[in-house]
Amino acid sequence: MEDTATLDHSADVYEPSLTPDSLGKLGMWLFLISDAMSFGALLAAYGAIRAGAAEWAPPSEVLGIELTAFMTFLLICSSVTMVKALEAIQNGNQRRMCTFLGLTILGGVIFLGLQAYEWTHLIKHGLTLTTIPHHGLSGAEISGSVLFGPTFYTITGFHGAHVTGGVIYLIVILIQGLRGNYTAEYNHKVEILGLYWHFVDLIWIMVFTFVYLL
């Protein structure tokens, strides 16, 4: 009888190791790892193409560093608001969470708007998939940078697609938050969203460094 009671007690306190919370985080981490490999491959290909080119136009002579520096700062700020949103709901403050999620969405939308402006401006001034603006570049730099446009638009466009997906993701979570779906005890979806958004921000810092600055 004593052994049976002990077994029953053990069964009562047993908790499954895989919960919706842990499964969701695991799934997001697996996705982010595979996605990081995709970005890594793109950046590695960019580095190989640039290293193999006889000449390469200095990015500062073609791209707008000041604008993209502000875009980088904007995404960093949006990461801070994402942290604040998670902190708010962990403390049971739904209204504050929704406010910071709204600010994060605003940061993402402004980023996408600035990227659209940047692309339009660059295309207008001659940076296309087949051409590059002169801006005082030598003939060798122009001819050697034939892949400057394709690599630039591929990498920044791929990241822009992730930001777009992140903004949609944020809007969905915000709508659920406005409906009162999250509490101090139930907020793992907000935490998983934070993992994705921080990843997007970190990738942009890498893109900004490798494509715009180096």
N, C-alpha and C. Protein backbone atom coordinates (compact mmCIF):
# COMPACT_ATOMS: atom_id res chain seq x y z
N MET A 1 0.84 -1.21 0.00
CA MET A 1 0.00 0.00 0.00
C MET A 1 0.87 1.25 0.00
N GLU A 2 1.93 1.22 0.79
CA GLU A 2 2.81 2.38 0.86
C GLU A 2 3.47 2.65 -0.48
N ASP A 3 3.90 1.52 -1.16
CA ASP A 3 4.54 1.68 -2.47
C ASP A 3 3.56 2.26 -3.47
N THR A 4 2.30 1.79 -3.40
CA THR A 4 1.28 2.29 -4.32
C THR A 4 1.04 3.78 -4.11
N ALA A 5 1.00 4.21 -2.84
CA ALA A 5 0.78 5.62 -2.53
C ALA A 5 1.94 6.47 -3.04
N THR A 6 3.14 5.90 -2.88
CA THR A 6 4.32 6.63 -3.37
C THR A 6 4.26 6.82 -4.88
N LEU A 7 3.88 5.75 -5.60
CA LEU A 7 3.77 5.81 -7.06
C LEU A 7 2.70 6.81 -7.47
N ASP A 8 1.55 6.77 -6.75
CA ASP A 8 0.47 7.69 -7.09
C ASP A 8 0.91 9.13 -6.89
N HIS A 9 1.65 9.36 -5.80
CA HIS A 9 2.12 10.71 -5.52
C HIS A 9 3.08 11.18 -6.61
N SER A 10 3.95 10.26 -7.05
CA SER A 10 4.89 10.60 -8.11
C SER A 10 4.16 10.94 -9.39
N ALA A 11 3.08 10.21 -9.66
CA ALA A 11 2.32 10.47 -10.86
C ALA A 11 1.64 11.83 -10.79
N ASP A 12 1.23 12.22 -9.55
CA ASP A 12 0.55 13.49 -9.40
C ASP A 12 1.47 14.67 -9.68
N VAL A 13 2.73 14.54 -9.28
CA VAL A 13 3.65 15.67 -9.43
C VAL A 13 4.40 15.63 -10.75
N TYR A 14 4.20 14.60 -11.54
CA TYR A 14 4.90 14.51 -12.82
C TYR A 14 4.39 15.57 -13.78
N GLU A 15 5.32 16.24 -14.44
CA GLU A 15 4.96 17.22 -15.46
C GLU A 15 5.68 16.86 -16.75
N PRO A 16 5.00 16.92 -17.87
CA PRO A 16 5.65 16.59 -19.14
C PRO A 16 6.79 17.55 -19.44
N SER A 17 7.85 17.03 -20.02
CA SER A 17 9.02 17.86 -20.32
C SER A 17 8.76 18.78 -21.50
N LEU A 18 7.89 18.39 -22.41
CA LEU A 18 7.57 19.21 -23.57
C LEU A 18 6.18 19.82 -23.41
N THR A 19 6.15 21.12 -23.26
CA THR A 19 4.91 21.86 -23.13
C THR A 19 4.73 22.74 -24.37
N PRO A 20 3.54 23.30 -24.60
CA PRO A 20 3.38 24.23 -25.72
C PRO A 20 4.40 25.36 -25.69
N ASP A 21 4.74 25.79 -24.48
CA ASP A 21 5.75 26.85 -24.32
C ASP A 21 7.10 26.40 -24.86
N SER A 22 7.58 25.26 -24.36
CA SER A 22 8.90 24.78 -24.77
C SER A 22 8.93 24.34 -26.22
N LEU A 23 7.84 23.73 -26.70
CA LEU A 23 7.77 23.34 -28.10
C LEU A 23 7.81 24.55 -29.02
N GLY A 24 7.08 25.60 -28.63
CA GLY A 24 7.09 26.82 -29.44
C GLY A 24 8.46 27.44 -29.51
N LYS A 25 9.15 27.50 -28.39
CA LYS A 25 10.50 28.06 -28.37
C LYS A 25 11.47 27.20 -29.18
N LEU A 26 11.33 25.88 -29.03
CA LEU A 26 12.19 24.98 -29.79
C LEU A 26 11.98 25.16 -31.28
N GLY A 27 10.71 25.23 -31.69
CA GLY A 27 10.42 25.42 -33.11
C GLY A 27 10.98 26.72 -33.63
N MET A 28 10.85 27.80 -32.85
CA MET A 28 11.39 29.09 -33.29
C MET A 28 12.90 29.05 -33.37
N TRP A 29 13.56 28.44 -32.39
CA TRP A 29 15.02 28.36 -32.42
C TRP A 29 15.51 27.56 -33.63
N LEU A 30 14.82 26.46 -33.95
CA LEU A 30 15.21 25.68 -35.12
C LEU A 30 15.04 26.51 -36.39
N PHE A 31 13.95 27.26 -36.47
CA PHE A 31 13.74 28.12 -37.63
C PHE A 31 14.82 29.19 -37.73
N LEU A 32 15.15 29.81 -36.60
CA LEU A 32 16.15 30.88 -36.61
C LEU A 32 17.53 30.35 -36.97
N ILE A 33 17.85 29.16 -36.52
CA ILE A 33 19.15 28.57 -36.86
C ILE A 33 19.23 28.32 -38.37
N SER A 34 18.18 27.75 -38.94
CA SER A 34 18.18 27.50 -40.39
C SER A 34 18.19 28.80 -41.16
N ASP A 35 17.47 29.81 -40.65
CA ASP A 35 17.43 31.10 -41.32
C ASP A 35 18.78 31.81 -41.23
N ALA A 36 19.45 31.65 -40.09
CA ALA A 36 20.78 32.23 -39.94
C ALA A 36 21.74 31.65 -40.96
N MET A 37 21.58 30.35 -41.26
CA MET A 37 22.42 29.72 -42.27
C MET A 37 22.16 30.34 -43.65
N SER A 38 20.90 30.66 -43.92
CA SER A 38 20.56 31.28 -45.21
C SER A 38 21.23 32.65 -45.33
N PHE A 39 21.12 33.45 -44.29
CA PHE A 39 21.76 34.76 -44.31
C PHE A 39 23.28 34.62 -44.35
N GLY A 40 23.80 33.64 -43.61
CA GLY A 40 25.24 33.41 -43.64
C GLY A 40 25.72 33.05 -45.03
N ALA A 41 24.95 32.22 -45.74
CA ALA A 41 25.32 31.84 -47.10
C ALA A 41 25.30 33.06 -48.03
N LEU A 42 24.29 33.91 -47.87
CA LEU A 42 24.21 35.12 -48.70
C LEU A 42 25.39 36.05 -48.45
N LEU A 43 25.71 36.26 -47.18
CA LEU A 43 26.82 37.15 -46.85
C LEU A 43 28.16 36.55 -47.27
N ALA A 44 28.29 35.22 -47.15
CA ALA A 44 29.51 34.56 -47.59
C ALA A 44 29.66 34.67 -49.11
N ALA A 45 28.57 34.49 -49.83
CA ALA A 45 28.60 34.63 -51.28
C ALA A 45 28.97 36.06 -51.67
N TYR A 46 28.40 37.03 -50.95
CA TYR A 46 28.73 38.43 -51.21
C TYR A 46 30.23 38.67 -51.00
N GLY A 47 30.77 38.13 -49.89
CA GLY A 47 32.19 38.29 -49.62
C GLY A 47 33.06 37.65 -50.68
N ALA A 48 32.64 36.45 -51.15
CA ALA A 48 33.42 35.76 -52.18
C ALA A 48 33.39 36.52 -53.50
N ILE A 49 32.22 37.03 -53.86
CA ILE A 49 32.10 37.80 -55.11
C ILE A 49 32.94 39.07 -55.04
N ARG A 50 32.86 39.73 -53.90
CA ARG A 50 33.62 40.98 -53.75
C ARG A 50 35.12 40.72 -53.75
N ALA A 51 35.54 39.65 -53.07
CA ALA A 51 36.97 39.33 -53.03
C ALA A 51 37.49 38.91 -54.40
N GLY A 52 36.62 38.28 -55.19
CA GLY A 52 37.05 37.81 -56.50
C GLY A 52 36.99 38.86 -57.59
N ALA A 53 36.35 40.01 -57.30
CA ALA A 53 36.26 41.06 -58.31
C ALA A 53 37.59 41.80 -58.43
N ALA A 54 37.94 42.15 -59.65
CA ALA A 54 39.18 42.89 -59.87
C ALA A 54 39.14 44.24 -59.15
N GLU A 55 38.01 44.90 -59.22
CA GLU A 55 37.76 46.16 -58.51
C GLU A 55 36.35 46.11 -57.93
N TRP A 56 36.14 46.86 -56.87
CA TRP A 56 34.80 46.91 -56.26
C TRP A 56 34.53 48.33 -55.80
N ALA A 57 33.41 48.86 -56.21
CA ALA A 57 33.08 50.23 -55.84
C ALA A 57 32.93 50.35 -54.33
N PRO A 58 33.55 51.36 -53.70
CA PRO A 58 33.37 51.56 -52.25
C PRO A 58 31.90 51.81 -51.94
N PRO A 59 31.31 51.04 -51.02
CA PRO A 59 29.88 51.23 -50.71
C PRO A 59 29.53 52.66 -50.32
N SER A 60 30.45 53.35 -49.63
CA SER A 60 30.18 54.72 -49.21
C SER A 60 30.01 55.66 -50.39
N GLU A 61 30.55 55.27 -51.57
CA GLU A 61 30.43 56.11 -52.76
C GLU A 61 29.13 55.85 -53.50
N VAL A 62 28.45 54.76 -53.18
CA VAL A 62 27.24 54.38 -53.92
C VAL A 62 26.01 54.44 -53.03
N LEU A 63 26.13 53.99 -51.78
CA LEU A 63 24.98 53.86 -50.89
C LEU A 63 24.90 55.03 -49.91
N GLY A 64 23.73 55.23 -49.34
CA GLY A 64 23.53 56.28 -48.36
C GLY A 64 23.77 55.78 -46.95
N ILE A 65 24.97 56.00 -46.43
CA ILE A 65 25.33 55.47 -45.12
C ILE A 65 24.55 56.15 -44.01
N GLU A 66 24.32 57.47 -44.12
CA GLU A 66 23.63 58.20 -43.06
C GLU A 66 22.21 57.66 -42.87
N LEU A 67 21.49 57.44 -43.97
CA LEU A 67 20.13 56.94 -43.88
C LEU A 67 20.08 55.56 -43.25
N THR A 68 20.95 54.68 -43.70
CA THR A 68 20.93 53.32 -43.17
C THR A 68 21.44 53.25 -41.74
N ALA A 69 22.29 54.19 -41.35
CA ALA A 69 22.70 54.25 -39.94
C ALA A 69 21.49 54.58 -39.07
N PHE A 70 20.65 55.49 -39.55
CA PHE A 70 19.43 55.82 -38.81
C PHE A 70 18.47 54.63 -38.78
N MET A 71 18.37 53.89 -39.90
CA MET A 71 17.53 52.70 -39.96
C MET A 71 18.01 51.66 -38.95
N THR A 72 19.33 51.53 -38.83
CA THR A 72 19.90 50.59 -37.86
C THR A 72 19.54 51.00 -36.44
N PHE A 73 19.69 52.29 -36.15
CA PHE A 73 19.32 52.81 -34.83
C PHE A 73 17.85 52.57 -34.54
N LEU A 74 17.01 52.73 -35.57
CA LEU A 74 15.57 52.53 -35.43
C LEU A 74 15.25 51.08 -35.05
N LEU A 75 15.91 50.13 -35.71
CA LEU A 75 15.66 48.72 -35.39
C LEU A 75 16.16 48.37 -33.98
N ILE A 76 17.28 48.96 -33.58
CA ILE A 76 17.77 48.73 -32.23
C ILE A 76 16.75 49.23 -31.20
N CYS A 77 16.18 50.41 -31.48
CA CYS A 77 15.15 50.95 -30.59
C CYS A 77 13.93 50.03 -30.55
N SER A 78 13.58 49.45 -31.70
CA SER A 78 12.42 48.55 -31.74
C SER A 78 12.68 47.27 -30.94
N SER A 79 13.94 46.87 -30.85
CA SER A 79 14.27 45.72 -30.01
C SER A 79 14.04 46.07 -28.53
N VAL A 80 14.38 47.30 -28.18
CA VAL A 80 14.16 47.75 -26.80
C VAL A 80 12.67 47.75 -26.47
N THR A 81 11.85 48.27 -27.39
CA THR A 81 10.40 48.29 -27.13
C THR A 81 9.83 46.88 -27.07
N MET A 82 10.41 45.95 -27.83
CA MET A 82 9.97 44.56 -27.77
C MET A 82 10.28 43.96 -26.40
N VAL A 83 11.46 44.28 -25.86
CA VAL A 83 11.82 43.82 -24.52
C VAL A 83 10.85 44.40 -23.49
N LYS A 84 10.52 45.67 -23.66
CA LYS A 84 9.59 46.32 -22.73
C LYS A 84 8.20 45.71 -22.80
N ALA A 85 7.78 45.31 -24.01
CA ALA A 85 6.47 44.69 -24.17
C ALA A 85 6.41 43.36 -23.41
N LEU A 86 7.45 42.54 -23.56
CA LEU A 86 7.48 41.26 -22.85
C LEU A 86 7.54 41.48 -21.34
N GLU A 87 8.35 42.43 -20.92
CA GLU A 87 8.46 42.72 -19.49
C GLU A 87 7.11 43.16 -18.93
N ALA A 88 6.37 43.95 -19.71
CA ALA A 88 5.07 44.46 -19.25
C ALA A 88 4.08 43.32 -19.02
N ILE A 89 3.98 42.40 -19.98
CA ILE A 89 2.99 41.32 -19.83
C ILE A 89 3.43 40.33 -18.77
N GLN A 90 4.72 40.16 -18.57
CA GLN A 90 5.19 39.29 -17.48
C GLN A 90 4.81 39.85 -16.12
N ASN A 91 4.62 41.17 -16.08
CA ASN A 91 4.15 41.81 -14.85
C ASN A 91 2.63 41.97 -14.83
N GLY A 92 1.97 41.40 -15.84
CA GLY A 92 0.52 41.43 -15.89
C GLY A 92 -0.09 42.70 -16.42
N ASN A 93 0.70 43.56 -17.06
CA ASN A 93 0.20 44.84 -17.57
C ASN A 93 -0.06 44.73 -19.07
N GLN A 94 -1.30 44.39 -19.42
CA GLN A 94 -1.65 44.18 -20.83
C GLN A 94 -1.61 45.49 -21.62
N ARG A 95 -2.11 46.56 -21.03
CA ARG A 95 -2.15 47.83 -21.75
C ARG A 95 -0.75 48.30 -22.11
N ARG A 96 0.17 48.20 -21.17
CA ARG A 96 1.55 48.61 -21.43
C ARG A 96 2.19 47.72 -22.49
N MET A 97 1.89 46.42 -22.44
CA MET A 97 2.40 45.51 -23.46
C MET A 97 1.93 45.94 -24.84
N CYS A 98 0.65 46.23 -24.97
CA CYS A 98 0.10 46.62 -26.27
C CYS A 98 0.71 47.93 -26.76
N THR A 99 0.97 48.84 -25.83
CA THR A 99 1.60 50.11 -26.21
C THR A 99 2.98 49.88 -26.80
N PHE A 100 3.78 49.06 -26.14
CA PHE A 100 5.13 48.81 -26.63
C PHE A 100 5.13 47.95 -27.90
N LEU A 101 4.17 47.04 -28.03
CA LEU A 101 4.06 46.30 -29.29
C LEU A 101 3.72 47.26 -30.43
N GLY A 102 2.84 48.23 -30.15
CA GLY A 102 2.51 49.22 -31.16
C GLY A 102 3.72 50.04 -31.58
N LEU A 103 4.56 50.39 -30.62
CA LEU A 103 5.78 51.15 -30.93
C LEU A 103 6.75 50.29 -31.75
N THR A 104 6.81 49.01 -31.43
CA THR A 104 7.67 48.10 -32.20
C THR A 104 7.19 47.99 -33.64
N ILE A 105 5.88 47.88 -33.80
CA ILE A 105 5.30 47.84 -35.16
C ILE A 105 5.63 49.12 -35.90
N LEU A 106 5.47 50.26 -35.22
CA LEU A 106 5.77 51.55 -35.84
C LEU A 106 7.22 51.61 -36.32
N GLY A 107 8.14 51.11 -35.48
CA GLY A 107 9.55 51.08 -35.88
C GLY A 107 9.78 50.22 -37.11
N GLY A 108 9.12 49.06 -37.16
CA GLY A 108 9.26 48.19 -38.32
C GLY A 108 8.69 48.80 -39.58
N VAL A 109 7.54 49.46 -39.46
CA VAL A 109 6.91 50.08 -40.63
C VAL A 109 7.76 51.23 -41.15
N ILE A 110 8.28 52.05 -40.25
CA ILE A 110 9.15 53.16 -40.68
C ILE A 110 10.40 52.62 -41.36
N PHE A 111 10.96 51.55 -40.80
CA PHE A 111 12.14 50.93 -41.41
C PHE A 111 11.84 50.51 -42.85
N LEU A 112 10.71 49.83 -43.04
CA LEU A 112 10.34 49.37 -44.39
C LEU A 112 10.10 50.56 -45.32
N GLY A 113 9.48 51.62 -44.80
CA GLY A 113 9.27 52.80 -45.62
C GLY A 113 10.57 53.44 -46.04
N LEU A 114 11.53 53.50 -45.12
CA LEU A 114 12.84 54.07 -45.45
C LEU A 114 13.60 53.18 -46.43
N GLN A 115 13.44 51.88 -46.30
CA GLN A 115 14.10 50.98 -47.24
C GLN A 115 13.50 51.13 -48.63
N ALA A 116 12.18 51.28 -48.72
CA ALA A 116 11.54 51.52 -50.01
C ALA A 116 12.03 52.82 -50.63
N TYR A 117 12.18 53.85 -49.78
CA TYR A 117 12.71 55.13 -50.26
C TYR A 117 14.14 54.97 -50.75
N GLU A 118 14.95 54.23 -49.98
CA GLU A 118 16.35 54.01 -50.36
C GLU A 118 16.43 53.31 -51.71
N TRP A 119 15.68 52.25 -51.89
CA TRP A 119 15.69 51.51 -53.16
C TRP A 119 15.26 52.42 -54.31
N THR A 120 14.19 53.16 -54.12
CA THR A 120 13.70 54.05 -55.17
C THR A 120 14.76 55.09 -55.53
N HIS A 121 15.39 55.67 -54.52
CA HIS A 121 16.42 56.67 -54.74
C HIS A 121 17.62 56.07 -55.49
N LEU A 122 18.05 54.89 -55.07
CA LEU A 122 19.22 54.26 -55.70
C LEU A 122 18.92 53.87 -57.15
N ILE A 123 17.74 53.33 -57.39
CA ILE A 123 17.37 52.96 -58.76
C ILE A 123 17.31 54.19 -59.65
N LYS A 124 16.73 55.27 -59.12
CA LYS A 124 16.61 56.52 -59.87
C LYS A 124 17.98 57.08 -60.24
N HIS A 125 18.97 56.86 -59.37
CA HIS A 125 20.31 57.38 -59.61
C HIS A 125 21.25 56.36 -60.25
N GLY A 126 20.68 55.24 -60.71
CA GLY A 126 21.48 54.35 -61.56
C GLY A 126 21.92 53.04 -60.99
N LEU A 127 21.57 52.71 -59.73
CA LEU A 127 21.96 51.41 -59.18
C LEU A 127 20.84 50.40 -59.49
N THR A 128 21.06 49.61 -60.51
CA THR A 128 20.10 48.60 -60.91
C THR A 128 20.79 47.24 -60.89
N LEU A 129 20.11 46.22 -61.41
CA LEU A 129 20.70 44.89 -61.46
C LEU A 129 21.82 44.79 -62.49
N THR A 130 21.91 45.77 -63.37
CA THR A 130 22.92 45.71 -64.43
C THR A 130 23.81 46.94 -64.51
N THR A 131 23.47 48.00 -63.77
CA THR A 131 24.26 49.24 -63.83
C THR A 131 24.60 49.73 -62.43
N ILE A 132 25.56 50.64 -62.37
CA ILE A 132 25.98 51.23 -61.11
C ILE A 132 26.28 52.70 -61.37
N PRO A 133 25.87 53.61 -60.49
CA PRO A 133 26.14 55.03 -60.71
C PRO A 133 27.63 55.34 -60.64
N HIS A 134 28.07 56.32 -61.41
CA HIS A 134 29.51 56.63 -61.48
C HIS A 134 29.99 57.30 -60.20
N HIS A 135 29.47 58.48 -59.90
CA HIS A 135 29.87 59.23 -58.69
C HIS A 135 31.39 59.33 -58.56
N GLY A 136 32.06 59.57 -59.65
CA GLY A 136 33.51 59.72 -59.60
C GLY A 136 34.29 58.43 -59.54
N LEU A 137 33.63 57.29 -59.76
CA LEU A 137 34.32 56.00 -59.74
C LEU A 137 35.13 55.83 -61.00
N SER A 138 36.21 55.07 -60.89
CA SER A 138 37.02 54.79 -62.07
C SER A 138 36.33 53.76 -62.96
N GLY A 139 36.78 53.70 -64.21
CA GLY A 139 36.19 52.72 -65.13
C GLY A 139 36.37 51.30 -64.64
N ALA A 140 37.51 51.01 -63.99
CA ALA A 140 37.77 49.67 -63.48
C ALA A 140 36.82 49.32 -62.34
N GLU A 141 36.54 50.30 -61.48
CA GLU A 141 35.62 50.07 -60.36
C GLU A 141 34.21 49.82 -60.87
N ILE A 142 33.82 50.54 -61.90
CA ILE A 142 32.49 50.37 -62.46
C ILE A 142 32.34 49.00 -63.12
N SER A 143 33.30 48.63 -63.94
CA SER A 143 33.23 47.35 -64.65
C SER A 143 33.39 46.18 -63.68
N GLY A 144 34.20 46.35 -62.63
CA GLY A 144 34.42 45.27 -61.67
C GLY A 144 33.28 45.09 -60.70
N SER A 145 32.39 46.10 -60.64
CA SER A 145 31.28 46.06 -59.68
C SER A 145 29.97 45.70 -60.34
N VAL A 146 30.04 44.91 -61.42
CA VAL A 146 28.83 44.56 -62.16
C VAL A 146 27.82 43.81 -61.30
N LEU A 147 28.30 43.11 -60.28
CA LEU A 147 27.40 42.36 -59.40
C LEU A 147 27.05 43.12 -58.11
N PHE A 148 27.43 44.38 -58.04
CA PHE A 148 27.13 45.18 -56.86
C PHE A 148 25.62 45.27 -56.65
N GLY A 149 24.90 45.64 -57.69
CA GLY A 149 23.45 45.79 -57.60
C GLY A 149 22.74 44.50 -57.24
N PRO A 150 22.98 43.41 -57.98
CA PRO A 150 22.28 42.15 -57.66
C PRO A 150 22.51 41.66 -56.24
N THR A 151 23.76 41.74 -55.76
CA THR A 151 24.03 41.27 -54.40
C THR A 151 23.38 42.18 -53.36
N PHE A 152 23.43 43.49 -53.62
CA PHE A 152 22.84 44.44 -52.68
C PHE A 152 21.33 44.23 -52.56
N TYR A 153 20.64 44.16 -53.69
CA TYR A 153 19.18 44.03 -53.65
C TYR A 153 18.74 42.66 -53.13
N THR A 154 19.53 41.63 -53.40
CA THR A 154 19.17 40.30 -52.90
C THR A 154 19.26 40.24 -51.38
N ILE A 155 20.36 40.72 -50.83
CA ILE A 155 20.57 40.64 -49.38
C ILE A 155 19.60 41.55 -48.63
N THR A 156 19.51 42.81 -49.05
CA THR A 156 18.63 43.74 -48.34
C THR A 156 17.16 43.39 -48.57
N GLY A 157 16.84 42.87 -49.76
CA GLY A 157 15.47 42.46 -50.02
C GLY A 157 15.06 41.26 -49.19
N PHE A 158 15.97 40.31 -49.03
CA PHE A 158 15.69 39.12 -48.22
C PHE A 158 15.44 39.54 -46.78
N HIS A 159 16.26 40.47 -46.29
CA HIS A 159 16.04 40.95 -44.93
C HIS A 159 14.74 41.73 -44.83
N GLY A 160 14.46 42.56 -45.84
CA GLY A 160 13.21 43.31 -45.83
C GLY A 160 11.98 42.41 -45.77
N ALA A 161 12.05 41.26 -46.45
CA ALA A 161 10.95 40.30 -46.40
C ALA A 161 10.76 39.77 -44.98
N HIS A 162 11.87 39.59 -44.26
CA HIS A 162 11.77 39.13 -42.87
C HIS A 162 11.17 40.21 -41.97
N VAL A 163 11.54 41.46 -42.22
CA VAL A 163 10.95 42.55 -41.43
C VAL A 163 9.45 42.63 -41.69
N THR A 164 9.07 42.48 -42.97
CA THR A 164 7.64 42.50 -43.31
C THR A 164 6.90 41.39 -42.59
N GLY A 165 7.46 40.19 -42.61
CA GLY A 165 6.86 39.07 -41.88
C GLY A 165 6.79 39.35 -40.40
N GLY A 166 7.83 39.99 -39.85
CA GLY A 166 7.84 40.32 -38.44
C GLY A 166 6.77 41.34 -38.07
N VAL A 167 6.56 42.32 -38.93
CA VAL A 167 5.52 43.33 -38.67
C VAL A 167 4.14 42.66 -38.66
N ILE A 168 3.90 41.77 -39.61
CA ILE A 168 2.63 41.05 -39.64
C ILE A 168 2.46 40.21 -38.37
N TYR A 169 3.53 39.53 -37.98
CA TYR A 169 3.55 38.73 -36.75
C TYR A 169 3.21 39.60 -35.54
N LEU A 170 3.83 40.78 -35.47
CA LEU A 170 3.59 41.71 -34.38
C LEU A 170 2.13 42.16 -34.33
N ILE A 171 1.57 42.44 -35.50
CA ILE A 171 0.18 42.89 -35.56
C ILE A 171 -0.76 41.81 -35.05
N VAL A 172 -0.49 40.56 -35.42
CA VAL A 172 -1.32 39.44 -34.96
C VAL A 172 -1.28 39.33 -33.44
N ILE A 173 -0.07 39.39 -32.88
CA ILE A 173 0.08 39.29 -31.42
C ILE A 173 -0.56 40.49 -30.74
N LEU A 174 -0.43 41.67 -31.34
CA LEU A 174 -1.05 42.86 -30.76
C LEU A 174 -2.57 42.71 -30.72
N ILE A 175 -3.16 42.22 -31.78
CA ILE A 175 -4.62 42.03 -31.82
C ILE A 175 -5.04 41.06 -30.72
N GLN A 176 -4.29 39.97 -30.57
CA GLN A 176 -4.60 39.01 -29.51
C GLN A 176 -4.44 39.65 -28.13
N GLY A 177 -3.42 40.51 -28.00
CA GLY A 177 -3.21 41.19 -26.74
C GLY A 177 -4.34 42.14 -26.40
N LEU A 178 -4.86 42.84 -27.42
CA LEU A 178 -5.98 43.75 -27.21
C LEU A 178 -7.24 42.99 -26.80
N ARG A 179 -7.32 41.73 -27.18
CA ARG A 179 -8.45 40.89 -26.79
C ARG A 179 -8.26 40.27 -25.41
N GLY A 180 -7.12 40.55 -24.79
CA GLY A 180 -6.87 40.04 -23.45
C GLY A 180 -6.42 38.60 -23.40
N ASN A 181 -5.78 38.12 -24.47
CA ASN A 181 -5.37 36.71 -24.53
C ASN A 181 -4.13 36.39 -23.70
N TYR A 182 -3.38 37.42 -23.26
CA TYR A 182 -2.13 37.17 -22.55
C TYR A 182 -2.20 37.69 -21.13
N THR A 183 -1.54 36.96 -20.24
CA THR A 183 -1.50 37.32 -18.83
C THR A 183 -0.06 37.14 -18.33
N ALA A 184 0.14 37.44 -17.04
CA ALA A 184 1.46 37.25 -16.45
C ALA A 184 1.87 35.78 -16.47
N GLU A 185 0.88 34.87 -16.44
CA GLU A 185 1.17 33.43 -16.45
C GLU A 185 1.22 32.86 -17.87
N TYR A 186 0.50 33.49 -18.79
CA TYR A 186 0.43 32.97 -20.16
C TYR A 186 0.90 34.05 -21.12
N ASN A 187 2.17 33.97 -21.50
CA ASN A 187 2.74 34.99 -22.40
C ASN A 187 3.85 34.44 -23.29
N HIS A 188 3.93 33.10 -23.40
CA HIS A 188 5.05 32.53 -24.14
C HIS A 188 5.03 32.92 -25.62
N LYS A 189 3.85 33.22 -26.17
CA LYS A 189 3.78 33.63 -27.58
C LYS A 189 4.46 34.99 -27.79
N VAL A 190 4.34 35.85 -26.80
CA VAL A 190 5.01 37.15 -26.86
C VAL A 190 6.52 36.96 -26.78
N GLU A 191 6.95 36.04 -25.94
CA GLU A 191 8.38 35.76 -25.81
C GLU A 191 8.95 35.17 -27.10
N ILE A 192 8.20 34.28 -27.73
CA ILE A 192 8.65 33.68 -28.99
C ILE A 192 8.73 34.74 -30.09
N LEU A 193 7.75 35.64 -30.11
CA LEU A 193 7.79 36.77 -31.05
C LEU A 193 9.05 37.60 -30.83
N GLY A 194 9.40 37.81 -29.57
CA GLY A 194 10.60 38.58 -29.26
C GLY A 194 11.86 37.93 -29.81
N LEU A 195 11.93 36.60 -29.75
CA LEU A 195 13.09 35.90 -30.31
C LEU A 195 13.23 36.21 -31.79
N TYR A 196 12.12 36.17 -32.51
CA TYR A 196 12.16 36.43 -33.96
C TYR A 196 12.58 37.87 -34.24
N TRP A 197 11.99 38.81 -33.52
CA TRP A 197 12.27 40.22 -33.80
C TRP A 197 13.72 40.59 -33.47
N HIS A 198 14.24 40.06 -32.38
CA HIS A 198 15.64 40.32 -32.04
C HIS A 198 16.57 39.72 -33.09
N PHE A 199 16.20 38.57 -33.63
CA PHE A 199 17.00 37.94 -34.68
C PHE A 199 17.03 38.83 -35.92
N VAL A 200 15.88 39.35 -36.31
CA VAL A 200 15.80 40.23 -37.48
C VAL A 200 16.69 41.46 -37.28
N ASP A 201 16.66 42.02 -36.08
CA ASP A 201 17.47 43.20 -35.79
C ASP A 201 18.96 42.87 -35.83
N LEU A 202 19.34 41.74 -35.26
CA LEU A 202 20.74 41.33 -35.25
C LEU A 202 21.25 41.10 -36.67
N ILE A 203 20.43 40.48 -37.50
CA ILE A 203 20.85 40.23 -38.88
C ILE A 203 21.07 41.54 -39.62
N TRP A 204 20.20 42.53 -39.36
CA TRP A 204 20.38 43.81 -40.04
C TRP A 204 21.70 44.48 -39.65
N ILE A 205 22.08 44.37 -38.38
CA ILE A 205 23.36 44.94 -37.95
C ILE A 205 24.50 44.29 -38.74
N MET A 206 24.41 42.99 -38.97
CA MET A 206 25.43 42.30 -39.76
C MET A 206 25.40 42.76 -41.21
N VAL A 207 24.21 42.89 -41.78
CA VAL A 207 24.08 43.35 -43.16
C VAL A 207 24.63 44.77 -43.29
N PHE A 208 24.27 45.64 -42.36
CA PHE A 208 24.75 47.02 -42.39
C PHE A 208 26.27 47.06 -42.32
N THR A 209 26.85 46.22 -41.49
CA THR A 209 28.31 46.21 -41.34
C THR A 209 29.00 45.70 -42.59
N PHE A 210 28.56 44.55 -43.11
CA PHE A 210 29.25 43.92 -44.24
C PHE A 210 28.97 44.60 -45.57
N VAL A 211 27.75 45.04 -45.78
CA VAL A 211 27.36 45.58 -47.10
C VAL A 211 27.58 47.08 -47.20
N TYR A 212 27.30 47.80 -46.13
CA TYR A 212 27.37 49.26 -46.20
C TYR A 212 28.69 49.84 -45.72
N LEU A 213 29.29 49.23 -44.71
CA LEU A 213 30.46 49.85 -44.07
C LEU A 213 31.80 49.32 -44.57
N LEU A 214 31.89 48.01 -44.80
CA LEU A 214 33.20 47.43 -45.15
C LEU A 214 33.52 47.61 -46.64
